[in-house]
Amino acid sequence: MQTNLMQADSSGILQAAQLLKQGELVAIPTETVYGLAANAMDGTAVEKIFAAKGRPQDNPLIVHIDSIEMWKTLVVEVTEDAKKLADAFWPGPLTIILPHNGNLAEQVCAGLDTVAVRVPSHPVAQKVISESGLPLAAPSANLSGSPSPTEAKYVLQDMQGRIPLILEGGSCEVGVESTVISLAGKKPILLRPGYITKEQLEQVLQKEVEIAHAVTHILEQGEKVESPGMKYKHYAPKAQVTILKGNSLQYQQYLQQHNHQGVAALCFEEDAPAMQVPFVVYGKENDPSSQARELFSALRKLDENGAQQVYARCPAEDGVALAVYNRLLRAAAFRVVQL
């Protein structure tokens, strides 16, 4: 298959919409990461997503829509809490899980009775949804397990020959996937952290939001994958990643002691001047938004540089930084060293 990279102008958007209506896959930019989109009502089209990514069938997909009206056609009920969150954060990087009404292709929900839905804020994603008139299932447009793509060139690296079209929409503003909250049970549960934080959700809902155990721990044996991003190893470069918890000085000392061929550092901007090993920077220490924006491209750069063993400086574990920590944990397959 020939993979075309087109500018996300009116002709590119029209071409994308036509392909989606024909049951094909298209990679589109969103504010979080690039998504691999298919018609969420068409089971054959959705199966192509799993094939192109090499994604396990038990991993549900997020459906991208352009309006509350479209949402109402997919779920049993838009609850009061769901409406509050949608009013506060849509369009934007928040995914809301509710019981579905059976209108979607069953492959989207991975056998669950719920569906994860969001309204993206990226103008290209919005135009593609509106032009096609379809709800779009769209996980990240990468090979399953590798770092999510925040630029079209990384989509091309992974999807060359696997999909017909990639829309070029520049770098993604947020850089990590959306926050996922489930409103399908008795209490709200944060299943995947993102740019919208636990604290922001609680402020709008005026109630406590529980953080799922799997956000910072390995999924329990037999535990259902209720949301994308809950798998054990995910977002990983080819290099082996280990997270180092400690201050800048402790981090530097550890790297000096473990400086051998193939070692590289994934560090903050402030650490860079003292680095005595090859390094890639991912944001500033006290600016988790910059860490989120730069993390996935930094992981890909480490592979491009030939790193074999990467020691990553640990981010904080709250607010937006929790999203960064969550992604790094999975990139490192939960290898963490306390300094």
C-alpha atoms as a PDB file:
ATOM      1  CA  MET A   1       0.000   0.000   0.000  1.00  0.00           C
ATOM      2  CA  GLN A   2       1.179   3.500  -0.849  1.00  0.00           C
ATOM      3  CA  THR A   3       1.047   5.870   2.160  1.00  0.00           C
ATOM      4  CA  ASN A   4       0.442   9.495   1.156  1.00  0.00           C
ATOM      5  CA  LEU A   5       1.419  12.407   3.405  1.00  0.00           C
ATOM      6  CA  MET A   6      -0.865  15.370   2.651  1.00  0.00           C
ATOM      7  CA  GLN A   7      -1.161  18.842   4.092  1.00  0.00           C
ATOM      8  CA  ALA A   8      -4.248  19.189   6.302  1.00  0.00           C
ATOM      9  CA  ASP A   9      -5.791  21.799   4.005  1.00  0.00           C
ATOM     10  CA  SER A  10      -9.307  21.622   2.543  1.00  0.00           C
ATOM     11  CA  SER A  11      -8.360  19.077  -0.154  1.00  0.00           C
ATOM     12  CA  GLY A  12      -6.482  16.906   2.374  1.00  0.00           C
ATOM     13  CA  ILE A  13      -9.448  16.980   4.760  1.00  0.00           C
ATOM     14  CA  LEU A  14     -11.860  16.114   1.924  1.00  0.00           C
ATOM     15  CA  GLN A  15      -9.646  13.198   0.865  1.00  0.00           C
ATOM     16  CA  ALA A  16      -9.475  11.972   4.491  1.00  0.00           C
ATOM     17  CA  ALA A  17     -13.260  12.123   4.891  1.00  0.00           C
ATOM     18  CA  GLN A  18     -13.800  10.182   1.641  1.00  0.00           C
ATOM     19  CA  LEU A  19     -11.359   7.442   2.677  1.00  0.00           C
ATOM     20  CA  LEU A  20     -13.010   7.135   6.108  1.00  0.00           C
ATOM     21  CA  LYS A  21     -16.448   6.786   4.486  1.00  0.00           C
ATOM     22  CA  GLN A  22     -14.994   4.011   2.302  1.00  0.00           C
ATOM     23  CA  GLY A  23     -13.858   2.079   5.399  1.00  0.00           C
ATOM     24  CA  GLU A  24     -10.171   3.051   5.202  1.00  0.00           C
ATOM     25  CA  LEU A  25      -7.767   4.331   7.872  1.00  0.00           C
ATOM     26  CA  VAL A  26      -6.421   7.884   8.058  1.00  0.00           C
ATOM     27  CA  ALA A  27      -3.874   9.320  10.514  1.00  0.00           C
ATOM     28  CA  ILE A  28      -5.000  12.719  11.784  1.00  0.00           C
ATOM     29  CA  PRO A  29      -3.467  15.279  14.156  1.00  0.00           C
ATOM     30  CA  THR A  30      -5.158  15.952  17.486  1.00  0.00           C
ATOM     31  CA  GLU A  31      -4.063  18.236  20.306  1.00  0.00           C
ATOM     32  CA  THR A  32      -2.760  15.204  22.253  1.00  0.00           C
ATOM     33  CA  VAL A  33      -1.028  12.882  19.744  1.00  0.00           C
ATOM     34  CA  TYR A  34      -1.673  11.807  16.151  1.00  0.00           C
ATOM     35  CA  GLY A  35      -4.626   9.418  15.942  1.00  0.00           C
ATOM     36  CA  LEU A  36      -5.243   6.467  13.611  1.00  0.00           C
ATOM     37  CA  ALA A  37      -8.865   7.017  12.638  1.00  0.00           C
ATOM     38  CA  ALA A  38     -11.565   4.679  11.296  1.00  0.00           C
ATOM     39  CA  ASN A  39     -15.359   4.764  11.131  1.00  0.00           C
ATOM     40  CA  ALA A  40     -16.391   3.601  14.621  1.00  0.00           C
ATOM     41  CA  MET A  41     -19.653   2.140  13.245  1.00  0.00           C
ATOM     42  CA  ASP A  42     -17.858  -0.161  10.787  1.00  0.00           C
ATOM     43  CA  GLY A  43     -16.387  -3.300  12.360  1.00  0.00           C
ATOM     44  CA  THR A  44     -14.278  -4.182   9.303  1.00  0.00           C
ATOM     45  CA  ALA A  45     -12.728  -0.693   9.285  1.00  0.00           C
ATOM     46  CA  VAL A  46     -12.034  -0.840  13.039  1.00  0.00           C
ATOM     47  CA  GLU A  47     -10.325  -4.229  12.643  1.00  0.00           C
ATOM     48  CA  LYS A  48      -7.890  -2.542  10.244  1.00  0.00           C
ATOM     49  CA  ILE A  49      -6.739  -0.334  13.161  1.00  0.00           C
ATOM     50  CA  PHE A  50      -5.791  -3.378  15.237  1.00  0.00           C
ATOM     51  CA  ALA A  51      -4.006  -4.928  12.225  1.00  0.00           C
ATOM     52  CA  ALA A  52      -2.077  -1.760  11.286  1.00  0.00           C
ATOM     53  CA  LYS A  53      -0.934  -1.149  14.873  1.00  0.00           C
ATOM     54  CA  GLY A  54      -0.444  -4.779  15.900  1.00  0.00           C
ATOM     55  CA  ARG A  55      -2.729  -3.877  18.808  1.00  0.00           C
ATOM     56  CA  PRO A  56      -4.229  -6.512  21.166  1.00  0.00           C
ATOM     57  CA  GLN A  57      -7.989  -6.966  20.620  1.00  0.00           C
ATOM     58  CA  ASP A  58      -8.732  -6.605  24.357  1.00  0.00           C
ATOM     59  CA  ASN A  59      -7.585  -2.966  24.338  1.00  0.00           C
ATOM     60  CA  PRO A  60     -10.612  -0.642  23.836  1.00  0.00           C
ATOM     61  CA  LEU A  61     -10.507   2.383  21.536  1.00  0.00           C
ATOM     62  CA  ILE A  62     -11.509   6.001  22.125  1.00  0.00           C
ATOM     63  CA  VAL A  63     -14.242   7.394  19.882  1.00  0.00           C
ATOM     64  CA  HIS A  64     -13.765  10.976  18.671  1.00  0.00           C
ATOM     65  CA  ILE A  65     -16.897  13.050  18.010  1.00  0.00           C
ATOM     66  CA  ASP A  66     -17.727  16.658  17.181  1.00  0.00           C
ATOM     67  CA  SER A  67     -20.785  17.358  19.338  1.00  0.00           C
ATOM     68  CA  ILE A  68     -22.938  16.397  22.315  1.00  0.00           C
ATOM     69  CA  GLU A  69     -25.614  15.417  19.765  1.00  0.00           C
ATOM     70  CA  MET A  70     -23.320  12.789  18.258  1.00  0.00           C
ATOM     71  CA  TRP A  71     -22.469  11.567  21.797  1.00  0.00           C
ATOM     72  CA  LYS A  72     -26.150  10.978  22.540  1.00  0.00           C
ATOM     73  CA  THR A  73     -26.349   8.559  19.601  1.00  0.00           C
ATOM     74  CA  LEU A  74     -23.621   6.351  21.129  1.00  0.00           C
ATOM     75  CA  VAL A  75     -24.380   6.111  24.869  1.00  0.00           C
ATOM     76  CA  VAL A  76     -27.332   5.002  26.988  1.00  0.00           C
ATOM     77  CA  GLU A  77     -27.489   8.369  28.735  1.00  0.00           C
ATOM     78  CA  VAL A  78     -25.392  11.512  29.051  1.00  0.00           C
ATOM     79  CA  THR A  79     -25.472  11.776  32.833  1.00  0.00           C
ATOM     80  CA  GLU A  80     -25.420  14.984  34.854  1.00  0.00           C
ATOM     81  CA  ASP A  81     -21.753  14.468  35.823  1.00  0.00           C
ATOM     82  CA  ALA A  82     -20.844  13.720  32.205  1.00  0.00           C
ATOM     83  CA  LYS A  83     -22.538  16.915  31.048  1.00  0.00           C
ATOM     84  CA  LYS A  84     -20.655  18.959  33.689  1.00  0.00           C
ATOM     85  CA  LEU A  85     -17.295  17.603  32.512  1.00  0.00           C
ATOM     86  CA  ALA A  86     -18.158  18.056  28.833  1.00  0.00           C
ATOM     87  CA  ASP A  87     -19.226  21.658  29.451  1.00  0.00           C
ATOM     88  CA  ALA A  88     -15.963  22.350  31.312  1.00  0.00           C
ATOM     89  CA  PHE A  89     -13.395  20.524  29.172  1.00  0.00           C
ATOM     90  CA  TRP A  90     -14.737  19.825  25.662  1.00  0.00           C
ATOM     91  CA  PRO A  91     -13.427  20.325  23.102  1.00  0.00           C
ATOM     92  CA  GLY A  92     -10.198  19.168  24.752  1.00  0.00           C
ATOM     93  CA  PRO A  93      -8.022  16.332  26.041  1.00  0.00           C
ATOM     94  CA  LEU A  94     -10.604  14.587  28.241  1.00  0.00           C
ATOM     95  CA  THR A  95     -12.159  11.188  27.504  1.00  0.00           C
ATOM     96  CA  ILE A  96     -15.365  10.205  29.312  1.00  0.00           C
ATOM     97  CA  ILE A  97     -16.486   6.588  29.709  1.00  0.00           C
ATOM     98  CA  LEU A  98     -20.226   5.770  29.876  1.00  0.00           C
ATOM     99  CA  PRO A  99     -22.340   2.681  29.082  1.00  0.00           C
ATOM    100  CA  HIS A 100     -22.821   2.392  25.299  1.00  0.00           C
ATOM    101  CA  ASN A 101     -26.124   1.739  23.524  1.00  0.00           C
ATOM    102  CA  GLY A 102     -24.928  -0.886  21.024  1.00  0.00           C
ATOM    103  CA  ASN A 103     -24.727   1.422  17.991  1.00  0.00           C
ATOM    104  CA  LEU A 104     -20.939   1.131  17.664  1.00  0.00           C
ATOM    105  CA  ALA A 105     -18.926  -1.663  16.094  1.00  0.00           C
ATOM    106  CA  GLU A 106     -18.315  -4.141  18.929  1.00  0.00           C
ATOM    107  CA  GLN A 107     -14.545  -4.145  18.207  1.00  0.00           C
ATOM    108  CA  VAL A 108     -14.368  -0.542  19.474  1.00  0.00           C
ATOM    109  CA  CYS A 109     -15.388  -1.489  23.012  1.00  0.00           C
ATOM    110  CA  ALA A 110     -13.308  -4.703  23.294  1.00  0.00           C
ATOM    111  CA  GLY A 111     -16.242  -6.640  24.758  1.00  0.00           C
ATOM    112  CA  LEU A 112     -17.016  -4.033  27.441  1.00  0.00           C
ATOM    113  CA  ASP A 113     -20.485  -2.540  27.949  1.00  0.00           C
ATOM    114  CA  THR A 114     -18.953   0.954  28.039  1.00  0.00           C
ATOM    115  CA  VAL A 115     -17.451   3.314  25.480  1.00  0.00           C
ATOM    116  CA  ALA A 116     -14.749   5.985  25.831  1.00  0.00           C
ATOM    117  CA  VAL A 117     -15.578   9.232  23.992  1.00  0.00           C
ATOM    118  CA  ARG A 118     -14.036  12.665  23.528  1.00  0.00           C
ATOM    119  CA  VAL A 119     -14.334  15.839  21.453  1.00  0.00           C
ATOM    120  CA  PRO A 120     -10.847  16.815  20.234  1.00  0.00           C
ATOM    121  CA  SER A 121      -9.943  20.499  20.102  1.00  0.00           C
ATOM    122  CA  HIS A 122      -7.549  20.301  17.133  1.00  0.00           C
ATOM    123  CA  PRO A 123      -9.222  22.090  14.200  1.00  0.00           C
ATOM    124  CA  VAL A 124      -8.104  19.424  11.700  1.00  0.00           C
ATOM    125  CA  ALA A 125      -9.566  16.580  13.754  1.00  0.00           C
ATOM    126  CA  GLN A 126     -12.808  18.552  14.142  1.00  0.00           C
ATOM    127  CA  LYS A 127     -13.047  19.228  10.399  1.00  0.00           C
ATOM    128  CA  VAL A 128     -12.382  15.584   9.474  1.00  0.00           C
ATOM    129  CA  ILE A 129     -15.124  14.378  11.856  1.00  0.00           C
ATOM    130  CA  SER A 130     -17.602  16.991  10.594  1.00  0.00           C
ATOM    131  CA  GLU A 131     -16.757  16.433   6.912  1.00  0.00           C
ATOM    132  CA  SER A 132     -17.131  12.653   7.240  1.00  0.00           C
ATOM    133  CA  GLY A 133     -20.165  12.874   9.547  1.00  0.00           C
ATOM    134  CA  LEU A 134     -18.781   9.852  11.409  1.00  0.00           C
ATOM    135  CA  PRO A 135     -17.744   9.089  14.978  1.00  0.00           C
ATOM    136  CA  LEU A 136     -14.093   8.075  14.621  1.00  0.00           C
ATOM    137  CA  ALA A 137     -12.321   5.374  16.608  1.00  0.00           C
ATOM    138  CA  ALA A 138      -8.767   6.729  16.831  1.00  0.00           C
ATOM    139  CA  PRO A 139      -6.008   5.332  19.046  1.00  0.00           C
ATOM    140  CA  SER A 140      -2.483   6.758  18.684  1.00  0.00           C
ATOM    141  CA  ALA A 141      -1.083   6.326  15.159  1.00  0.00           C
ATOM    142  CA  ASN A 142       1.946   4.234  16.100  1.00  0.00           C
ATOM    143  CA  LEU A 143       2.909   0.581  16.215  1.00  0.00           C
ATOM    144  CA  SER A 144       1.488  -0.868  19.431  1.00  0.00           C
ATOM    145  CA  GLY A 145       3.882  -0.460  22.357  1.00  0.00           C
ATOM    146  CA  SER A 146       6.128   2.182  20.789  1.00  0.00           C
ATOM    147  CA  PRO A 147       6.089   5.895  21.725  1.00  0.00           C
ATOM    148  CA  SER A 148       2.983   7.742  20.563  1.00  0.00           C
ATOM    149  CA  PRO A 149       3.632  10.078  17.599  1.00  0.00           C
ATOM    150  CA  THR A 150       3.472  13.826  18.172  1.00  0.00           C
ATOM    151  CA  GLU A 151       4.641  14.684  14.636  1.00  0.00           C
ATOM    152  CA  ALA A 152       3.567  13.361  11.233  1.00  0.00           C
ATOM    153  CA  LYS A 153       7.118  12.118  10.456  1.00  0.00           C
ATOM    154  CA  TYR A 154       6.863   9.651  13.362  1.00  0.00           C
ATOM    155  CA  VAL A 155       3.514   8.381  12.057  1.00  0.00           C
ATOM    156  CA  LEU A 156       5.184   7.792   8.686  1.00  0.00           C
ATOM    157  CA  GLN A 157       8.022   5.870  10.385  1.00  0.00           C
ATOM    158  CA  ASP A 158       5.534   3.429  11.935  1.00  0.00           C
ATOM    159  CA  MET A 159       2.701   3.375   9.385  1.00  0.00           C
ATOM    160  CA  GLN A 160       4.508   3.515   6.019  1.00  0.00           C
ATOM    161  CA  GLY A 161       2.787   0.986   3.739  1.00  0.00           C
ATOM    162  CA  ARG A 162       0.109   0.181   6.350  1.00  0.00           C
ATOM    163  CA  ILE A 163      -2.386   3.015   5.781  1.00  0.00           C
ATOM    164  CA  PRO A 164      -3.342   5.136   2.726  1.00  0.00           C
ATOM    165  CA  LEU A 165      -3.163   8.659   4.183  1.00  0.00           C
ATOM    166  CA  ILE A 166      -1.493  10.778   6.882  1.00  0.00           C
ATOM    167  CA  LEU A 167      -2.618  14.379   7.335  1.00  0.00           C
ATOM    168  CA  GLU A 168       0.253  16.727   8.216  1.00  0.00           C
ATOM    169  CA  GLY A 169      -0.929  19.049  10.985  1.00  0.00           C
ATOM    170  CA  GLY A 170       2.298  20.109  12.725  1.00  0.00           C
ATOM    171  CA  SER A 171       3.435  19.204  16.251  1.00  0.00           C
ATOM    172  CA  CYS A 172       0.846  18.201  18.842  1.00  0.00           C
ATOM    173  CA  GLU A 173       0.326  20.848  21.509  1.00  0.00           C
ATOM    174  CA  VAL A 174      -0.320  18.611  24.559  1.00  0.00           C
ATOM    175  CA  GLY A 175       1.924  15.656  23.694  1.00  0.00           C
ATOM    176  CA  VAL A 176       0.402  12.930  25.894  1.00  0.00           C
ATOM    177  CA  GLU A 177      -2.878  11.128  25.360  1.00  0.00           C
ATOM    178  CA  SER A 178      -6.119  12.399  26.893  1.00  0.00           C
ATOM    179  CA  THR A 179      -7.152  12.005  30.504  1.00  0.00           C
ATOM    180  CA  VAL A 180      -9.632   9.105  30.795  1.00  0.00           C
ATOM    181  CA  ILE A 181     -12.344   9.177  33.466  1.00  0.00           C
ATOM    182  CA  SER A 182     -15.000   6.510  33.936  1.00  0.00           C
ATOM    183  CA  LEU A 183     -18.462   7.642  34.976  1.00  0.00           C
ATOM    184  CA  ALA A 184     -19.930   4.175  34.408  1.00  0.00           C
ATOM    185  CA  GLY A 185     -19.820   3.076  38.059  1.00  0.00           C
ATOM    186  CA  LYS A 186     -20.946   4.375  41.427  1.00  0.00           C
ATOM    187  CA  LYS A 187     -18.042   6.830  41.682  1.00  0.00           C
ATOM    188  CA  PRO A 188     -15.815   8.632  39.150  1.00  0.00           C
ATOM    189  CA  ILE A 189     -12.509   6.817  38.504  1.00  0.00           C
ATOM    190  CA  LEU A 190      -9.458   8.243  36.771  1.00  0.00           C
ATOM    191  CA  LEU A 191      -8.213   5.401  34.542  1.00  0.00           C
ATOM    192  CA  ARG A 192      -5.499   7.292  32.662  1.00  0.00           C
ATOM    193  CA  PRO A 193      -4.004  10.634  33.731  1.00  0.00           C
ATOM    194  CA  GLY A 194      -3.471  13.386  31.184  1.00  0.00           C
ATOM    195  CA  TYR A 195      -3.391  17.144  30.745  1.00  0.00           C
ATOM    196  CA  ILE A 196      -6.736  17.518  32.563  1.00  0.00           C
ATOM    197  CA  THR A 197      -5.824  16.714  36.168  1.00  0.00           C
ATOM    198  CA  LYS A 198      -7.586  14.883  38.998  1.00  0.00           C
ATOM    199  CA  GLU A 199      -7.852  18.197  40.858  1.00  0.00           C
ATOM    200  CA  GLN A 200      -9.544  19.917  37.908  1.00  0.00           C
ATOM    201  CA  LEU A 201     -12.042  17.064  37.543  1.00  0.00           C
ATOM    202  CA  GLU A 202     -12.875  17.178  41.258  1.00  0.00           C
ATOM    203  CA  GLN A 203     -13.375  20.925  41.137  1.00  0.00           C
ATOM    204  CA  VAL A 204     -15.996  20.582  38.401  1.00  0.00           C
ATOM    205  CA  LEU A 205     -17.732  17.489  39.813  1.00  0.00           C
ATOM    206  CA  GLN A 206     -17.564  18.697  43.418  1.00  0.00           C
ATOM    207  CA  LYS A 207     -16.768  15.139  44.519  1.00  0.00           C
ATOM    208  CA  GLU A 208     -13.748  12.910  44.933  1.00  0.00           C
ATOM    209  CA  VAL A 209     -12.259  11.229  41.861  1.00  0.00           C
ATOM    210  CA  GLU A 210     -10.577   7.925  42.662  1.00  0.00           C
ATOM    211  CA  ILE A 211      -7.305   7.093  40.891  1.00  0.00           C
ATOM    212  CA  ALA A 212      -7.266   3.551  39.495  1.00  0.00           C
ATOM    213  CA  HIS A 213      -4.557   1.313  40.970  1.00  0.00           C
ATOM    214  CA  ALA A 214      -3.280   0.598  37.422  1.00  0.00           C
ATOM    215  CA  VAL A 215      -2.280   4.264  36.904  1.00  0.00           C
ATOM    216  CA  THR A 216       0.926   3.718  38.898  1.00  0.00           C
ATOM    217  CA  HIS A 217       0.983  -0.092  39.249  1.00  0.00           C
ATOM    218  CA  ILE A 218       1.019  -3.125  36.997  1.00  0.00           C
ATOM    219  CA  LEU A 219      -2.438  -4.324  35.956  1.00  0.00           C
ATOM    220  CA  GLU A 220      -3.513  -7.154  38.280  1.00  0.00           C
ATOM    221  CA  GLN A 221      -3.726 -10.699  36.894  1.00  0.00           C
ATOM    222  CA  GLY A 222      -7.110 -11.074  35.157  1.00  0.00           C
ATOM    223  CA  GLU A 223      -7.978  -7.363  35.626  1.00  0.00           C
ATOM    224  CA  LYS A 224      -9.932  -5.984  32.651  1.00  0.00           C
ATOM    225  CA  VAL A 225      -8.396  -3.316  30.442  1.00  0.00           C
ATOM    226  CA  GLU A 226     -11.087  -0.628  30.863  1.00  0.00           C
ATOM    227  CA  SER A 227      -9.134   2.110  29.130  1.00  0.00           C
ATOM    228  CA  PRO A 228      -6.305   2.486  26.629  1.00  0.00           C
ATOM    229  CA  GLY A 229      -2.901   2.973  28.280  1.00  0.00           C
ATOM    230  CA  MET A 230      -3.390   0.463  31.106  1.00  0.00           C
ATOM    231  CA  LYS A 231      -1.173  -2.270  29.638  1.00  0.00           C
ATOM    232  CA  TYR A 232       2.078  -3.311  31.351  1.00  0.00           C
ATOM    233  CA  LYS A 233       4.539  -2.122  28.686  1.00  0.00           C
ATOM    234  CA  HIS A 234       3.574   0.718  26.417  1.00  0.00           C
ATOM    235  CA  TYR A 235       5.012   3.883  24.860  1.00  0.00           C
ATOM    236  CA  ALA A 236       8.458   2.222  24.877  1.00  0.00           C
ATOM    237  CA  PRO A 237      11.494   2.984  22.713  1.00  0.00           C
ATOM    238  CA  LYS A 238      13.752   0.153  21.511  1.00  0.00           C
ATOM    239  CA  ALA A 239      16.219   1.072  24.283  1.00  0.00           C
ATOM    240  CA  GLN A 240      15.675  -0.288  27.783  1.00  0.00           C
ATOM    241  CA  VAL A 241      14.423   2.490  30.060  1.00  0.00           C
ATOM    242  CA  THR A 242      14.963   2.710  33.831  1.00  0.00           C
ATOM    243  CA  ILE A 243      13.470   5.527  35.933  1.00  0.00           C
ATOM    244  CA  LEU A 244      15.738   7.061  38.584  1.00  0.00           C
ATOM    245  CA  LYS A 245      13.982   8.717  41.529  1.00  0.00           C
ATOM    246  CA  GLY A 246      16.123  11.351  43.199  1.00  0.00           C
ATOM    247  CA  ASN A 247      17.466  14.893  42.956  1.00  0.00           C
ATOM    248  CA  SER A 248      19.688  16.207  40.172  1.00  0.00           C
ATOM    249  CA  LEU A 249      22.960  15.527  42.019  1.00  0.00           C
ATOM    250  CA  GLN A 250      21.993  11.934  42.883  1.00  0.00           C
ATOM    251  CA  TYR A 251      20.956  11.416  39.263  1.00  0.00           C
ATOM    252  CA  GLN A 252      24.291  12.704  37.922  1.00  0.00           C
ATOM    253  CA  GLN A 253      26.277  10.542  40.371  1.00  0.00           C
ATOM    254  CA  TYR A 254      24.336   7.418  39.370  1.00  0.00           C
ATOM    255  CA  LEU A 255      24.981   8.118  35.682  1.00  0.00           C
ATOM    256  CA  GLN A 256      28.722   8.592  36.329  1.00  0.00           C
ATOM    257  CA  GLN A 257      28.809   5.195  38.070  1.00  0.00           C
ATOM    258  CA  HIS A 258      26.885   3.516  35.223  1.00  0.00           C
ATOM    259  CA  ASN A 259      28.529   5.265  32.268  1.00  0.00           C
ATOM    260  CA  HIS A 260      29.273   2.596  29.681  1.00  0.00           C
ATOM    261  CA  GLN A 261      28.737   2.057  25.944  1.00  0.00           C
ATOM    262  CA  GLY A 262      25.118   2.612  24.888  1.00  0.00           C
ATOM    263  CA  VAL A 263      24.037   4.472  28.051  1.00  0.00           C
ATOM    264  CA  ALA A 264      22.049   7.683  27.615  1.00  0.00           C
ATOM    265  CA  ALA A 265      20.150  10.063  29.889  1.00  0.00           C
ATOM    266  CA  LEU A 266      16.565  11.284  29.543  1.00  0.00           C
ATOM    267  CA  CYS A 267      16.810  14.398  31.671  1.00  0.00           C
ATOM    268  CA  PHE A 268      15.382  17.832  32.379  1.00  0.00           C
ATOM    269  CA  GLU A 269      16.757  20.983  30.776  1.00  0.00           C
ATOM    270  CA  GLU A 270      18.345  22.018  34.072  1.00  0.00           C
ATOM    271  CA  ASP A 271      20.314  18.735  34.273  1.00  0.00           C
ATOM    272  CA  ALA A 272      21.842  19.073  30.802  1.00  0.00           C
ATOM    273  CA  PRO A 273      24.936  21.225  31.552  1.00  0.00           C
ATOM    274  CA  ALA A 274      26.259  18.628  34.036  1.00  0.00           C
ATOM    275  CA  MET A 275      25.649  15.565  31.828  1.00  0.00           C
ATOM    276  CA  GLN A 276      28.711  13.426  31.119  1.00  0.00           C
ATOM    277  CA  VAL A 277      26.824  10.864  29.047  1.00  0.00           C
ATOM    278  CA  PRO A 278      24.816  11.339  25.818  1.00  0.00           C
ATOM    279  CA  PHE A 279      21.423  12.813  26.715  1.00  0.00           C
ATOM    280  CA  VAL A 280      18.065  13.941  25.412  1.00  0.00           C
ATOM    281  CA  VAL A 281      16.095  16.610  27.264  1.00  0.00           C
ATOM    282  CA  TYR A 282      12.371  16.305  27.961  1.00  0.00           C
ATOM    283  CA  GLY A 283      11.149  19.624  29.306  1.00  0.00           C
ATOM    284  CA  LYS A 284      11.936  21.647  32.414  1.00  0.00           C
ATOM    285  CA  GLU A 285      11.928  20.213  35.930  1.00  0.00           C
ATOM    286  CA  ASN A 286       9.142  22.434  37.260  1.00  0.00           C
ATOM    287  CA  ASP A 287       7.144  22.625  34.035  1.00  0.00           C
ATOM    288  CA  PRO A 288       5.214  19.359  33.604  1.00  0.00           C
ATOM    289  CA  SER A 289       3.404  20.714  30.519  1.00  0.00           C
ATOM    290  CA  SER A 290       6.767  20.967  28.735  1.00  0.00           C
ATOM    291  CA  GLN A 291       7.635  17.418  29.890  1.00  0.00           C
ATOM    292  CA  ALA A 292       4.335  16.098  28.490  1.00  0.00           C
ATOM    293  CA  ARG A 293       4.817  17.925  25.198  1.00  0.00           C
ATOM    294  CA  GLU A 294       8.377  16.621  24.681  1.00  0.00           C
ATOM    295  CA  LEU A 295       8.356  13.131  26.230  1.00  0.00           C
ATOM    296  CA  PHE A 296       7.392  10.954  23.256  1.00  0.00           C
ATOM    297  CA  SER A 297       9.597  12.739  20.720  1.00  0.00           C
ATOM    298  CA  ALA A 298      12.478  12.515  23.245  1.00  0.00           C
ATOM    299  CA  LEU A 299      11.986   8.737  23.534  1.00  0.00           C
ATOM    300  CA  ARG A 300      12.117   8.438  19.736  1.00  0.00           C
ATOM    301  CA  LYS A 301      15.252  10.612  19.567  1.00  0.00           C
ATOM    302  CA  LEU A 302      16.990   8.253  22.008  1.00  0.00           C
ATOM    303  CA  ASP A 303      16.407   5.409  19.541  1.00  0.00           C
ATOM    304  CA  GLU A 304      17.599   7.576  16.652  1.00  0.00           C
ATOM    305  CA  ASN A 305      20.790   8.254  18.659  1.00  0.00           C
ATOM    306  CA  GLY A 306      21.408   4.525  19.152  1.00  0.00           C
ATOM    307  CA  ALA A 307      20.862   4.456  22.929  1.00  0.00           C
ATOM    308  CA  GLN A 308      20.619   0.965  24.422  1.00  0.00           C
ATOM    309  CA  GLN A 309      20.143   1.728  28.125  1.00  0.00           C
ATOM    310  CA  VAL A 310      18.293   4.905  29.082  1.00  0.00           C
ATOM    311  CA  TYR A 311      18.197   6.328  32.604  1.00  0.00           C
ATOM    312  CA  ALA A 312      15.263   8.711  32.946  1.00  0.00           C
ATOM    313  CA  ARG A 313      15.018  11.412  35.582  1.00  0.00           C
ATOM    314  CA  CYS A 314      11.718  10.854  37.408  1.00  0.00           C
ATOM    315  CA  PRO A 315       9.050  13.569  37.143  1.00  0.00           C
ATOM    316  CA  ALA A 316       6.702  14.522  39.970  1.00  0.00           C
ATOM    317  CA  GLU A 317       3.665  12.301  40.585  1.00  0.00           C
ATOM    318  CA  ASP A 318       0.798  14.768  40.745  1.00  0.00           C
ATOM    319  CA  GLY A 319      -1.076  17.171  38.477  1.00  0.00           C
ATOM    320  CA  VAL A 320      -0.018  17.053  34.818  1.00  0.00           C
ATOM    321  CA  ALA A 321       3.252  15.385  35.920  1.00  0.00           C
ATOM    322  CA  LEU A 322       1.257  12.288  36.926  1.00  0.00           C
ATOM    323  CA  ALA A 323       0.482  11.773  33.216  1.00  0.00           C
ATOM    324  CA  VAL A 324       4.191  11.975  32.393  1.00  0.00           C
ATOM    325  CA  TYR A 325       5.099   9.579  35.219  1.00  0.00           C
ATOM    326  CA  ASN A 326       2.374   7.144  34.103  1.00  0.00           C
ATOM    327  CA  ARG A 327       3.744   7.065  30.519  1.00  0.00           C
ATOM    328  CA  LEU A 328       7.343   6.723  31.688  1.00  0.00           C
ATOM    329  CA  LEU A 329       6.454   3.837  34.016  1.00  0.00           C
ATOM    330  CA  ARG A 330       5.086   1.896  31.071  1.00  0.00           C
ATOM    331  CA  ALA A 331       7.964   2.876  28.786  1.00  0.00           C
ATOM    332  CA  ALA A 332      10.260   1.487  31.509  1.00  0.00           C
ATOM    333  CA  ALA A 333       8.117  -1.628  32.101  1.00  0.00           C
ATOM    334  CA  PHE A 334       7.980  -0.439  35.743  1.00  0.00           C
ATOM    335  CA  ARG A 335      11.787  -0.506  36.280  1.00  0.00           C
ATOM    336  CA  VAL A 336      12.308   2.157  38.963  1.00  0.00           C
ATOM    337  CA  VAL A 337      15.404   2.779  41.112  1.00  0.00           C
ATOM    338  CA  GLN A 338      15.119   4.887  44.279  1.00  0.00           C
ATOM    339  CA  LEU A 339      18.392   6.816  44.652  1.00  0.00           C
END
